[in-house]
Protein backbone atom coordinates (compact mmCIF):
# COMPACT_ATOMS: atom_id res chain seq x y z
CA MET A 1 171.25 62.87 165.04
CA LYS A 2 168.35 63.95 167.01
CA TYR A 3 169.38 67.75 165.85
CA LEU A 4 169.56 66.85 161.99
CA LEU A 5 166.07 64.94 162.44
CA ALA A 6 164.48 68.11 164.09
CA ILE A 7 165.74 70.33 161.14
CA LEU A 8 164.53 67.90 158.57
CA THR A 9 161.13 67.72 160.28
CA THR A 10 161.01 71.62 159.96
CA ILE A 11 161.84 71.61 156.50
CA ILE A 12 159.19 69.11 155.37
CA PHE A 13 156.49 70.92 157.54
CA PHE A 14 157.21 74.25 155.76
CA ILE A 15 157.20 72.73 152.29
CA SER A 16 153.80 71.04 153.08
CA CYS A 17 152.44 74.36 154.16
CA ASP A 18 153.56 76.21 151.15
CA LYS A 19 152.01 73.48 148.78
CA LYS A 20 148.86 73.80 150.64
CA ALA A 21 149.03 77.54 150.45
CA ASP A 22 149.72 77.11 146.70
CA LYS A 23 146.83 74.95 146.32
CA LYS A 24 144.51 77.10 148.14
CA GLU A 25 145.51 80.14 146.26
CA GLU A 26 144.93 78.25 143.00
CA GLN A 27 141.65 76.87 144.11
CA THR A 28 140.58 80.59 144.83
CA ASN A 29 141.69 81.84 141.45
CA LEU A 30 139.70 79.09 139.98
CA ASP A 31 136.46 80.12 141.88
CA LEU A 32 136.90 83.80 140.66
CA PRO A 33 134.31 84.49 137.89
CA LYS A 34 136.13 85.15 134.74
CA GLU A 35 135.18 88.40 132.63
CA PRO A 36 132.97 87.26 129.61
CA ILE A 37 134.49 87.92 126.46
CA PHE A 38 132.31 90.53 124.21
CA LYS A 39 133.23 90.91 120.50
CA ASN A 40 131.49 92.96 118.07
CA TYR A 41 132.13 94.74 114.67
CA GLY A 42 135.66 92.87 114.71
CA PHE A 43 136.78 94.05 118.22
CA VAL A 44 137.30 92.36 121.45
CA TYR A 45 135.69 95.14 123.84
CA ASN A 46 137.73 93.64 126.78
CA ASN A 47 140.69 94.80 125.23
CA PHE A 48 139.66 98.50 125.06
CA HIS A 49 137.91 101.44 126.94
CA VAL A 50 134.69 101.62 124.83
CA VAL A 51 132.27 104.58 124.61
CA ASN A 52 128.94 104.10 122.76
CA ASP A 53 127.37 107.47 121.74
CA THR A 54 124.67 108.58 118.88
CA ILE A 55 125.40 111.32 116.12
CA LYS A 56 123.57 114.55 117.25
CA SER A 57 122.27 117.38 115.16
CA GLY A 58 125.28 119.45 114.14
CA ASP A 59 127.83 116.93 114.85
CA THR A 60 130.71 116.29 112.07
CA PHE A 61 133.40 113.49 112.06
CA GLY A 62 135.76 116.41 113.11
CA THR A 63 133.58 117.58 116.06
CA ILE A 64 133.51 114.29 117.45
CA LEU A 65 136.99 113.46 117.43
CA GLN A 66 138.61 116.79 118.17
CA ASN A 67 139.45 116.18 121.79
CA TYR A 68 140.89 112.88 121.61
CA ILE A 69 144.58 111.90 121.13
CA LEU A 70 145.14 110.46 117.49
CA PRO A 71 147.98 108.34 116.51
CA ASP A 72 151.47 109.76 115.36
CA SER A 73 150.56 113.21 116.44
CA MET A 74 147.99 113.53 113.86
CA ASN A 75 145.29 116.19 114.03
CA VAL A 76 141.79 115.89 112.94
CA HIS A 77 142.16 117.86 109.73
CA GLN A 78 144.85 115.24 108.69
CA LEU A 79 142.65 112.17 109.74
CA THR A 80 139.77 113.67 107.61
CA GLU A 81 142.13 114.18 104.65
CA LYS A 82 143.31 110.43 105.13
CA VAL A 83 139.59 108.97 105.12
CA LYS A 84 137.59 111.23 102.84
CA ASP A 85 138.02 109.04 99.82
CA SER A 86 136.66 105.96 101.55
CA PHE A 87 134.21 107.13 104.22
CA ASN A 88 131.28 109.71 103.21
CA LEU A 89 131.98 112.46 105.99
CA ARG A 90 128.97 114.34 104.94
CA GLY A 91 126.86 111.12 105.06
CA ILE A 92 126.86 110.57 108.69
CA LYS A 93 123.12 111.32 109.83
CA ALA A 94 121.94 112.46 113.39
CA GLY A 95 120.50 109.68 115.21
CA LYS A 96 122.98 106.98 113.93
CA PRO A 97 125.10 105.13 116.58
CA TYR A 98 129.08 105.02 116.67
CA ILE A 99 131.48 103.47 119.01
CA LEU A 100 134.91 104.94 120.25
CA PHE A 101 137.62 102.47 120.97
CA PHE A 102 140.17 103.96 123.48
CA ASP A 103 143.61 102.39 124.94
CA LYS A 104 142.60 100.76 128.17
CA ASP A 105 145.33 102.38 130.19
CA ASN A 106 145.05 106.01 128.39
CA THR A 107 141.30 106.60 127.96
CA ASN A 108 141.89 109.45 125.90
CA ASN A 109 143.90 107.87 123.20
CA LEU A 110 141.56 106.95 120.37
CA LYS A 111 142.40 103.44 118.57
CA ALA A 112 139.22 102.99 116.45
CA PHE A 113 136.15 104.78 115.36
CA VAL A 114 133.12 102.48 114.09
CA TYR A 115 129.97 104.18 112.27
CA VAL A 116 126.88 102.16 112.42
CA LYS A 117 124.90 103.01 109.09
CA ASN A 118 122.24 100.40 109.99
CA ASN A 119 121.79 97.00 111.89
CA ILE A 120 123.90 95.19 109.25
CA ASP A 121 126.27 97.70 107.48
CA TYR A 122 129.13 99.74 109.40
CA THR A 123 132.12 101.47 108.67
CA VAL A 124 135.59 100.91 110.73
CA ILE A 125 138.15 103.62 110.78
CA ASP A 126 140.87 101.58 112.51
CA LEU A 127 144.00 103.88 113.71
CA ARG A 128 146.17 101.14 115.60
CA ASP A 129 148.91 100.55 113.06
CA SER A 130 148.14 102.87 110.21
CA VAL A 131 144.88 104.60 109.37
CA GLN A 132 142.51 102.00 107.70
CA VAL A 133 138.91 102.41 106.53
CA VAL A 134 136.75 99.42 105.93
CA ASN A 135 133.16 99.34 105.13
CA LYS A 136 131.65 96.15 106.33
CA SER A 137 128.67 94.13 106.68
CA LYS A 138 127.47 91.72 109.31
CA PRO A 139 126.85 88.12 108.16
CA THR A 140 123.24 87.42 107.35
CA THR A 141 121.27 84.54 106.37
CA ILE A 142 117.93 84.36 104.68
CA ARG A 143 114.99 82.29 105.82
CA LYS A 144 111.76 81.63 103.97
CA ARG A 145 108.57 81.19 105.29
CA THR A 146 104.65 81.27 104.78
CA ILE A 147 102.21 82.95 107.18
CA ALA A 148 98.61 83.37 107.03
CA ALA A 149 95.96 85.33 109.34
CA GLU A 150 92.71 86.79 109.85
CA ILE A 151 92.56 90.63 110.29
CA GLU A 152 91.78 91.62 113.68
CA GLY A 153 91.92 95.64 114.13
CA SER A 154 94.53 96.98 111.94
CA LEU A 155 96.78 95.25 109.31
CA SER A 156 99.97 96.27 111.58
CA GLU A 157 98.53 94.81 114.72
CA THR A 158 97.57 91.64 113.01
CA LEU A 159 101.06 91.16 111.67
CA ASP A 160 102.57 91.76 115.03
CA LYS A 161 100.39 89.14 116.39
CA ALA A 162 101.45 86.78 113.71
CA GLY A 163 105.24 87.57 114.72
CA VAL A 164 105.90 89.38 111.36
CA SER A 165 107.67 92.81 111.13
CA ALA A 166 105.38 95.61 110.78
CA GLY A 167 107.20 96.37 107.73
CA LEU A 168 105.31 94.04 105.82
CA ALA A 169 102.14 96.48 106.06
CA PRO A 170 103.53 99.03 103.55
CA LYS A 171 104.87 96.36 101.41
CA LEU A 172 101.54 94.66 101.08
CA ALA A 173 99.79 98.05 100.63
CA GLY A 174 102.37 98.65 97.56
CA VAL A 175 101.65 95.30 96.29
CA TYR A 176 97.81 95.78 96.26
CA ALA A 177 97.91 99.54 95.49
CA PHE A 178 95.95 99.15 92.40
CA SER A 179 93.29 96.54 93.54
CA ILE A 180 92.54 96.99 97.23
CA ASP A 181 91.56 100.22 99.17
CA PHE A 182 93.65 99.87 102.44
CA PHE A 183 91.64 102.51 103.95
CA ARG A 184 88.67 100.10 103.90
CA ILE A 185 90.41 96.81 105.12
CA GLN A 186 88.09 95.38 107.81
CA LYS A 187 87.97 92.56 110.47
CA GLY A 188 87.43 89.38 109.01
CA ASP A 189 89.58 90.04 106.04
CA LYS A 190 92.27 87.45 105.29
CA PHE A 191 95.76 87.16 104.06
CA ALA A 192 98.72 84.78 103.51
CA VAL A 193 102.26 85.61 102.48
CA THR A 194 105.17 83.60 101.50
CA LEU A 195 108.38 85.93 102.34
CA TYR A 196 112.00 85.88 102.95
CA GLU A 197 113.44 87.38 106.17
CA LYS A 198 117.00 88.34 107.15
CA PHE A 199 118.77 87.49 110.21
CA ILE A 200 122.16 88.67 111.81
CA ASP A 201 124.51 86.04 112.85
CA ASP A 202 121.54 83.53 112.26
CA SER A 203 119.81 84.89 115.23
CA ILE A 204 118.83 88.58 115.29
CA TYR A 205 115.73 89.59 113.12
CA ALA A 206 116.87 92.18 110.50
CA GLY A 207 113.93 92.58 108.63
CA ILE A 208 112.13 91.32 105.28
CA GLU A 209 114.26 90.58 102.28
CA LYS A 210 111.59 90.38 99.77
CA VAL A 211 108.03 89.13 99.12
CA GLU A 212 107.61 86.23 96.96
CA SER A 213 103.77 85.77 96.66
CA THR A 214 100.77 87.11 98.46
CA TYR A 215 97.03 86.34 98.88
CA PHE A 216 94.39 88.75 100.25
CA GLN A 217 90.61 88.29 100.81
CA HIS A 218 88.86 91.66 100.93
CA ARG A 219 85.11 91.77 101.24
CA GLY A 220 84.79 88.15 100.14
CA LYS A 221 86.85 88.79 97.07
CA ASP A 222 90.15 86.81 96.47
CA PHE A 223 93.30 88.76 95.39
CA PHE A 224 96.60 86.80 94.57
CA ALA A 225 99.79 88.75 93.61
CA PHE A 226 103.22 87.20 92.16
CA PRO A 227 106.13 89.27 91.13
CA PHE A 228 107.44 88.63 87.79
CA LYS A 229 110.08 90.08 85.30
CA SER A 230 108.82 89.53 81.75
CA ASP A 231 112.14 90.65 80.68
CA ALA A 232 115.71 89.89 81.79
CA SER A 233 116.55 93.66 81.53
CA GLN A 234 113.64 94.66 83.85
CA LYS A 235 115.05 96.01 87.00
CA VAL A 236 111.74 95.88 89.03
CA ALA A 237 109.20 93.05 89.03
CA GLN A 238 105.58 93.75 88.31
CA TYR A 239 102.92 91.96 90.04
CA TYR A 240 100.36 89.86 88.31
CA ASN A 241 97.27 87.66 89.59
CA GLU A 242 96.93 83.92 89.18
CA GLU A 243 95.51 84.30 85.83
CA GLY A 244 98.57 86.52 84.55
CA LYS A 245 96.78 89.77 84.51
CA ALA A 246 98.44 92.90 85.68
CA LEU A 247 97.45 94.18 89.19
CA LYS A 248 99.00 97.64 88.24
CA SER A 249 96.62 100.02 87.22
CA MET A 250 97.05 103.53 85.48
CA PHE A 251 96.08 105.24 89.07
CA LEU A 252 96.97 104.47 92.60
CA LYS A 253 93.95 103.91 94.85
CA ALA A 254 95.17 106.88 96.93
CA PRO A 255 97.56 109.60 97.25
CA LEU A 256 98.88 108.43 100.87
CA ASP A 257 99.53 105.27 102.41
CA TYR A 258 96.42 104.06 103.99
CA PHE A 259 95.16 106.76 106.21
CA ARG A 260 91.44 107.66 107.26
CA ILE A 261 89.07 109.10 104.69
CA SER A 262 87.40 112.15 106.29
CA SER A 263 85.01 113.25 103.62
CA ARG A 264 84.08 111.68 100.21
CA PHE A 265 83.17 113.06 96.84
CA SER A 266 79.51 114.51 97.26
CA GLY A 267 76.91 116.86 95.58
CA ARG A 268 76.06 118.13 99.00
CA ARG A 269 78.16 118.54 101.94
CA PHE A 270 78.09 121.14 104.86
CA HIS A 271 81.36 123.03 104.45
CA PRO A 272 83.20 123.14 108.08
CA VAL A 273 84.95 126.46 107.39
CA GLN A 274 82.35 128.34 105.10
CA LYS A 275 79.46 126.97 107.38
CA ARG A 276 77.20 126.31 104.21
CA TRP A 277 75.97 123.38 102.11
CA LYS A 278 77.86 122.97 98.93
CA ALA A 279 79.16 120.22 96.39
CA HIS A 280 82.50 118.65 97.66
CA ASN A 281 84.18 117.71 94.36
CA GLY A 282 87.00 115.64 96.19
CA THR A 283 88.03 112.98 98.48
CA ASP A 284 89.66 114.16 101.94
CA TYR A 285 92.49 112.06 103.39
CA ALA A 286 93.19 112.90 106.94
CA ALA A 287 96.79 112.54 108.00
CA PRO A 288 99.53 114.12 110.34
CA THR A 289 101.26 117.32 108.89
CA GLY A 290 104.20 116.28 106.97
CA THR A 291 102.91 113.10 105.54
CA PRO A 292 104.04 112.46 102.27
CA ILE A 293 101.72 113.05 99.18
CA LYS A 294 102.19 110.95 96.05
CA THR A 295 100.96 111.57 92.66
CA THR A 296 98.46 108.62 91.87
CA ALA A 297 99.66 108.47 88.10
CA SER A 298 102.65 109.74 85.88
CA GLY A 299 102.16 113.09 84.19
CA VAL A 300 103.35 116.57 83.98
CA VAL A 301 102.76 119.42 86.85
CA GLU A 302 100.41 121.62 85.18
CA ARG A 303 100.08 124.11 88.24
CA ALA A 304 101.77 124.30 91.47
CA GLY A 305 100.92 127.32 93.64
CA TYR A 306 98.76 128.80 96.31
CA THR A 307 95.07 130.18 96.50
CA ALA A 308 93.17 131.32 99.44
CA GLY A 309 90.66 128.39 99.08
CA ASN A 310 93.09 125.53 97.93
CA GLY A 311 96.02 126.66 100.14
CA ASN A 312 99.36 125.24 98.74
CA TYR A 313 98.35 122.83 95.74
CA VAL A 314 99.62 120.86 92.78
CA LYS A 315 97.75 119.68 89.86
CA VAL A 316 99.06 116.97 87.47
CA ARG A 317 97.89 116.36 83.80
CA HIS A 318 98.19 112.54 83.21
CA ASN A 319 97.03 112.45 79.44
CA GLY A 320 94.26 114.09 77.37
CA THR A 321 91.53 112.49 79.52
CA TYR A 322 92.93 112.66 83.26
CA SER A 323 94.17 115.15 85.66
CA THR A 324 94.44 115.16 89.47
CA GLN A 325 94.82 117.87 91.95
CA TYR A 326 96.26 117.76 95.49
CA LEU A 327 95.18 120.43 98.12
CA HIS A 328 96.14 122.13 101.53
CA MET A 329 99.92 121.01 101.18
CA SER A 330 102.04 122.23 104.06
CA LYS A 331 105.03 122.10 101.30
CA ILE A 332 105.15 121.79 97.49
CA LEU A 333 107.96 119.56 96.43
CA VAL A 334 107.58 119.93 92.56
CA LYS A 335 107.59 122.75 89.90
CA GLN A 336 105.31 123.58 87.04
CA GLY A 337 106.26 121.76 84.02
CA GLN A 338 107.89 119.16 86.00
CA HIS A 339 107.54 115.40 84.78
CA VAL A 340 106.45 113.16 87.78
CA THR A 341 106.12 109.24 87.89
CA GLN A 342 103.65 107.34 89.80
CA GLY A 343 104.04 107.29 93.38
CA GLN A 344 106.46 110.28 93.25
CA VAL A 345 106.27 112.40 96.30
CA ILE A 346 105.00 115.67 95.19
CA GLY A 347 104.32 117.48 98.58
CA LYS A 348 103.62 117.10 102.42
CA VAL A 349 100.09 117.01 104.01
CA GLY A 350 99.08 120.43 105.76
CA SER A 351 96.02 122.47 106.36
CA THR A 352 96.82 125.65 104.35
CA GLY A 353 93.54 127.42 102.75
CA LEU A 354 90.20 126.44 103.83
CA ALA A 355 90.99 123.75 106.11
CA THR A 356 90.16 122.91 109.67
CA GLY A 357 92.65 120.37 110.09
CA PRO A 358 95.77 118.51 108.35
CA HIS A 359 94.68 116.57 105.22
CA VAL A 360 94.77 116.31 101.50
CA CYS A 361 91.88 117.12 99.23
CA TYR A 362 92.30 114.75 96.38
CA ARG A 363 90.51 115.97 93.12
CA PHE A 364 89.98 113.90 90.04
CA TRP A 365 89.29 115.02 86.51
CA LYS A 366 87.90 113.42 83.44
CA ASN A 367 87.67 115.17 80.13
CA GLY A 368 87.70 118.42 82.22
CA VAL A 369 84.83 117.68 84.61
CA GLN A 370 85.49 116.43 88.31
CA VAL A 371 84.45 113.16 89.12
CA ASP A 372 84.51 110.54 91.90
CA PRO A 373 87.54 108.30 91.33
CA PHE A 374 86.02 105.46 93.09
CA ARG A 375 83.14 105.06 90.64
CA GLN A 376 85.66 105.12 87.65
CA ASN A 377 86.55 102.09 85.49
CA LEU A 378 89.99 103.06 85.32
CA PRO A 379 92.56 101.69 82.92
CA ASN A 380 94.89 98.95 83.60
CA ALA A 381 98.72 98.36 82.73
CA GLU A 382 99.62 96.46 79.42
CA PRO A 383 98.79 92.73 79.68
CA LEU A 384 101.52 90.19 79.45
CA PRO A 385 102.25 88.83 75.70
CA GLU A 386 100.95 85.31 75.31
CA ASN A 387 104.14 83.53 75.21
CA GLU A 388 105.14 85.44 78.49
CA ARG A 389 102.14 84.57 80.07
CA LEU A 390 102.29 80.99 79.71
CA ARG A 391 105.75 80.97 81.12
CA TYR A 392 104.46 82.95 84.11
CA LEU A 393 101.68 80.66 84.86
CA GLU A 394 104.25 77.62 84.94
CA TYR A 395 106.49 79.97 87.22
CA ILE A 396 103.74 80.53 89.75
CA LYS A 397 102.51 76.81 89.99
CA PRO A 398 104.55 75.92 92.94
CA LEU A 399 104.00 79.44 94.48
CA LYS A 400 100.41 79.17 94.27
CA LYS A 401 100.45 75.55 95.71
CA GLU A 402 102.35 76.83 98.72
CA LEU A 403 99.78 79.68 99.46
CA ASP A 404 96.71 77.32 98.66
CA SER A 405 98.24 74.86 101.40
CA ILE A 406 98.50 77.29 104.12
CA ILE A 407 95.14 79.03 103.27
CA LYS A 408 93.33 75.74 103.46
CA LEU A 409 95.12 74.98 106.69
CA LYS A 410 94.72 78.06 108.49
CA PHE A 411 91.02 78.88 107.32
CA ASN A 412 89.88 75.38 107.18
CA LYS A 413 88.54 75.74 103.64
CA ASP A 414 89.98 75.90 100.08
CA GLU A 415 89.82 79.69 99.40
CA THR A 416 91.02 79.22 95.73
CA LYS A 417 87.93 77.30 94.49
């Protein structure tokens, strides 16, 4: 009897120890930190060996994948043939990111390739079951807001302080290209903008979707702008002021997107190369070599070539009254006789000909005589028909009210009176 009791006691002791060990092991496992799950582009990264890289100059789809194991003993050429109808192989650009997903146990066995076009759009080439190509976009949400600020330094710096993408600067410059000389924006100028912004997954900022309405006070003068399509078939909205007058002019204010004016039209200027006093029948815009030069109005290229003084140049005839010329280009992008539209890039800034540094000399002809474009009363675009103007005024009422409200709140006065 004593012998049986001893055996039973021993068995109970070992069972108890095993349970304690199990509990201790279970507690230890609970205490171990779990690997965070990371998902992107439709893949759980934890399930793969993942390589992030960037397209380099000279890379092709084939050269990127040539050293990896593809499914079903497929070679790169066969894979290229399968995907070429759904994926623009020649469209991959240097600097764009891509992701390679490999088997976690065999890190040379490729399972998927993702090409990132931008922060929203991407292409997935999935090799796991059969070759599938899917062009996808990350889910985005659009948020509306109205901001107002006073210029402190440059427009871009002011936008940054206001928590707005610097991408708004060229958009505003485009809206007011016919009304405000953005070379002359100064401290104390004010602006307000109602805009729509994109966010990826409702959290990551992805840029400006559109500008709904704007206000700019420049040198004490108020400028409102509202986009409006007077015709349902019109693809691009035109901008009009609070009275329904078109902001668009026949000519842009400048052939570049706001850069420094280094020399103005003058009857007497000391030439920096020829070292003598002479008339300067143009306006010099200093800018880095390669900066795009835009024609300030639609027309036909009258001349495109090179002279010792002008360097590479383009001259555009706009109608029987007006012509413009663009000098010292590093590169000409149009040909004689070609029709060009307002804002079209016709060349790149350079320092060819008689020039001490990169700039474009912009010359303006009226009735065959070179004149200062800043002193001309240049023609505007066609006004809205009366019935469309009335419809436009009704349309902008709530938009202007929204701007007026933040202008008054921000600047402590009613700027619209």
